[in-house]
């Protein structure tokens, strides 16, 4: 597999490539976000095991499955 790296800007759901380039056929792409991308995470010093138990007492099924599903549907 050969690769070509181009720089662009992601804005409002679209990637705008800064270099003008054309291909004869549709091309597969891999988009990698760099620099300012920081996932939203809570600091570990604010973690409370007792609070976690209270919040999950009514959780049906595996907590890990609930967390994975939540992260898949989370909008960044």
Protein backbone atom coordinates (compact mmCIF):
# COMPACT_ATOMS: atom_id res chain seq x y z
CA UNK A 1 0.00 0.00 0.00
CA UNK A 2 1.39 3.39 -0.99
CA UNK A 3 0.49 6.50 0.96
CA UNK A 4 0.41 10.20 0.25
CA UNK A 5 0.26 12.70 3.12
CA UNK A 6 -1.61 15.96 2.58
CA UNK A 7 -2.35 18.71 5.06
CA UNK A 8 -5.83 20.05 5.59
CA UNK A 9 -8.27 21.58 8.04
CA UNK A 10 -11.34 19.90 9.56
CA UNK A 11 -14.23 22.33 10.03
CA UNK A 12 -18.00 21.89 10.30
CA UNK A 13 -17.89 18.19 9.40
CA UNK A 14 -15.66 18.55 6.34
CA UNK A 15 -11.95 18.13 5.63
CA UNK A 16 -10.54 20.81 3.36
CA UNK A 17 -7.28 19.72 1.71
CA UNK A 18 -4.86 22.62 1.27
CA UNK A 19 -3.15 21.17 -1.84
CA UNK A 20 -5.10 20.84 -5.09
CA UNK A 21 -4.81 17.21 -6.22
CA UNK A 22 -6.96 14.98 -8.41
CA UNK A 23 -7.22 11.22 -8.86
CA UNK A 24 -8.69 9.17 -11.71
CA UNK A 25 -10.69 6.98 -9.30
CA UNK A 26 -12.14 7.37 -5.79
CA UNK A 27 -9.46 6.95 -3.12
CA UNK A 28 -9.61 5.50 0.38
CA UNK A 29 -8.40 7.91 3.04
CA UNK A 30 -7.34 7.79 6.67
CA UNK A 31 -7.96 10.97 8.66
CA UNK A 32 -5.72 11.59 11.68
CA UNK A 33 -6.42 14.52 14.00
CA UNK A 34 -3.29 16.17 15.42
CA UNK A 35 -2.19 19.02 17.69
CA UNK A 36 -5.14 20.46 19.56
CA UNK A 37 -7.22 17.30 19.91
CA UNK A 38 -7.72 16.50 23.60
CA UNK A 39 -10.35 14.00 24.75
CA UNK A 40 -12.58 15.15 27.60
CA UNK A 41 -11.45 13.35 30.74
CA UNK A 42 -11.97 14.00 34.40
CA UNK A 43 -8.87 14.31 36.59
CA UNK A 44 -8.19 11.18 38.63
CA UNK A 45 -7.91 13.15 41.88
CA UNK A 46 -11.67 13.80 41.63
CA UNK A 47 -12.46 10.07 41.44
CA UNK A 48 -14.57 8.66 44.30
CA UNK A 49 -15.03 4.91 44.60
CA UNK A 50 -18.02 5.36 46.95
CA UNK A 51 -19.69 7.73 44.47
CA UNK A 52 -19.02 5.27 41.63
CA UNK A 53 -20.75 2.48 43.54
CA UNK A 54 -23.74 4.72 44.24
CA UNK A 55 -24.02 5.82 40.60
CA UNK A 56 -23.83 2.25 39.27
CA UNK A 57 -26.11 0.46 41.76
CA UNK A 58 -29.00 0.37 39.24
CA UNK A 59 -26.81 -0.52 36.26
CA UNK A 60 -28.12 -3.55 34.39
CA UNK A 61 -25.45 -5.72 32.77
CA UNK A 62 -21.71 -5.09 32.73
CA UNK A 63 -20.44 -1.62 33.55
CA UNK A 64 -17.71 -1.98 30.92
CA UNK A 65 -20.34 -2.56 28.20
CA UNK A 66 -22.23 0.55 29.31
CA UNK A 67 -19.02 2.64 29.23
CA UNK A 68 -17.98 1.34 25.79
CA UNK A 69 -21.43 2.11 24.36
CA UNK A 70 -21.38 5.59 25.89
CA UNK A 71 -17.97 6.35 24.38
CA UNK A 72 -19.05 5.11 20.94
CA UNK A 73 -22.03 7.48 20.91
CA UNK A 74 -20.24 10.44 22.54
CA UNK A 75 -19.88 13.50 20.33
CA UNK A 76 -16.46 15.18 20.47
